């Protein structure tokens, strides 16, 4: 029987998130894009991320670039999983 992947307790346990932050620290353009994305209201930010993931799926990007295709549905306000 296949085991069910464990849900991370925090973003600090998500390797791709740490990689993204490292890239943002090392590359000014990545930093600027991430800062713009994070300054958006939640619904707009989620829509932009989903659109990027869809674009990656259409372009058949490698799996590690489209891990967001498993993003959960919109969280209720006040959710703490960011």
Protein backbone atom coordinates (compact mmCIF):
# COMPACT_ATOMS: atom_id res chain seq x y z
CA UNK A 1 0.00 0.00 0.00
CA UNK A 2 1.37 3.46 -0.89
CA UNK A 3 1.90 5.84 1.97
CA UNK A 4 0.10 9.18 2.03
CA UNK A 5 2.48 12.17 1.91
CA UNK A 6 2.67 14.02 5.21
CA UNK A 7 1.29 17.56 5.16
CA UNK A 8 3.98 20.07 6.19
CA UNK A 9 3.40 21.80 9.52
CA UNK A 10 4.88 25.05 8.22
CA UNK A 11 6.31 26.54 5.04
CA UNK A 12 9.75 25.99 6.57
CA UNK A 13 9.28 22.29 5.82
CA UNK A 14 8.60 22.87 2.12
CA UNK A 15 11.91 22.59 0.28
CA UNK A 16 10.67 24.43 -2.84
CA UNK A 17 9.56 27.37 -0.67
CA UNK A 18 13.02 27.61 0.90
CA UNK A 19 14.58 27.41 -2.57
CA UNK A 20 12.33 30.25 -3.77
CA UNK A 21 13.32 32.44 -0.83
CA UNK A 22 17.00 31.69 -1.42
CA UNK A 23 16.60 32.67 -5.08
CA UNK A 24 14.83 35.88 -4.05
CA UNK A 25 17.75 36.74 -1.77
CA UNK A 26 20.29 36.10 -4.52
CA UNK A 27 18.50 37.59 -7.55
CA UNK A 28 17.00 41.09 -7.56
CA UNK A 29 14.47 40.29 -10.31
CA UNK A 30 13.17 37.24 -8.42
CA UNK A 31 12.98 39.37 -5.27
CA UNK A 32 11.01 42.09 -7.06
CA UNK A 33 8.55 39.59 -8.57
CA UNK A 34 8.02 37.85 -5.25
CA UNK A 35 7.53 41.17 -3.48
CA UNK A 36 4.91 42.25 -6.07
CA UNK A 37 3.13 38.93 -5.77
CA UNK A 38 3.06 39.03 -1.97
CA UNK A 39 1.75 42.59 -1.92
CA UNK A 40 -1.38 41.56 -3.87
CA UNK A 41 -4.68 40.92 -2.09
CA UNK A 42 -5.24 37.19 -1.42
CA UNK A 43 -7.77 36.52 -4.21
CA UNK A 44 -5.63 38.25 -6.85
CA UNK A 45 -2.43 36.53 -5.65
CA UNK A 46 -4.11 33.13 -5.74
CA UNK A 47 -5.47 33.80 -9.24
CA UNK A 48 -2.02 34.84 -10.49
CA UNK A 49 -0.37 31.74 -9.03
CA UNK A 50 -3.02 29.46 -10.51
CA UNK A 51 -2.60 31.14 -13.91
CA UNK A 52 1.18 30.60 -13.72
CA UNK A 53 0.68 26.95 -12.83
CA UNK A 54 -1.75 26.51 -15.73
CA UNK A 55 0.78 28.11 -18.09
CA UNK A 56 3.45 25.70 -16.84
CA UNK A 57 1.14 22.74 -17.32
CA UNK A 58 0.33 23.84 -20.88
CA UNK A 59 4.03 24.31 -21.60
CA UNK A 60 4.69 20.86 -20.08
CA UNK A 61 7.22 22.25 -17.64
CA UNK A 62 9.09 19.76 -15.45
CA UNK A 63 7.10 18.61 -12.41
CA UNK A 64 9.16 20.55 -9.90
CA UNK A 65 8.10 23.79 -11.62
CA UNK A 66 4.42 22.94 -11.48
CA UNK A 67 4.08 21.51 -8.00
CA UNK A 68 1.45 24.21 -7.53
CA UNK A 69 -0.92 22.14 -9.67
CA UNK A 70 -1.76 20.54 -6.34
CA UNK A 71 -2.55 23.83 -4.63
CA UNK A 72 -5.53 23.56 -2.31
CA UNK A 73 -8.74 25.42 -2.99
CA UNK A 74 -8.94 28.95 -1.64
CA UNK A 75 -8.41 29.08 2.12
CA UNK A 76 -10.96 30.76 4.36
CA UNK A 77 -9.96 34.19 5.61
CA UNK A 78 -7.73 34.01 8.64
CA UNK A 79 -6.08 30.74 7.48
CA UNK A 80 -2.57 30.40 8.88
CA UNK A 81 -0.91 28.19 6.27
CA UNK A 82 1.09 30.89 4.48
